[in-house]
Amino acid sequence: MQRRDEQRAAAERAALAGVFGALSLLTLYISAIAPTGRLGLVAAAGIFPAGAVVSGGLSAGFFCYGAAGLLGLLLLPDKASALLYLLLFGLWPMMKSLIEGLRRLALEVLCKLLFLNGVLSLLWFGLRGVFLPFLPAALSQSWMVYLVGNVGFFIYDLGFSKLIAFYTVRVDKVLRKRG
């Protein structure tokens, strides 16, 4: 009986991760065809792996992220959205969970900055042709990209934390009662 309950819980987590992956892919598709707001839509697609992490654990988050990212590379008309998702916004929920598990604020901030600036460097120096369409014309200098990127990411991370807290209290709580 206990084994059956464990199997049911694992199946529910996998199904929920699949639903979150589909929602993430749908948001990525909209970002690829939308005339404006692409960066915001790709960032919004990263919310769904966070829900998978909260409801199903890190493995569910990585499953959601991997499925949406790989399918995005295969199916989206604009691969830049999928790459930005794979390198930053889709991966961030799992990285955030691991980093905040350190429980030392100074180390957490350092790790978050290292992660972001590593991704920014990869995008700026390695994938500039893919990354530039997401940037406004005013951000043509690398120091501006790093300055605005770090400030913007700090604000994004604060808002992301609030969304995760809202999801945990309002949505995940209901999902757990149902299950």
Foldseek 3Di string as FASTA:
>chain_A
DVVVVVVVLLVVLLVLLVVLLVVLLVLLQCLLPPPDDNVVSLLVSLLSLLLSCLQPNLVSSVSSLVSSLVVCCVPHPQNLSSVCNNQPRSCVSSVLVVLVVVVDVVSSVVSVLVSQVVSLCCCVVPVVVSPVVNDDPVPPDSVSCSVCSVVVVVVSVVVSVVSSVCCNPPPSVVVVVVD
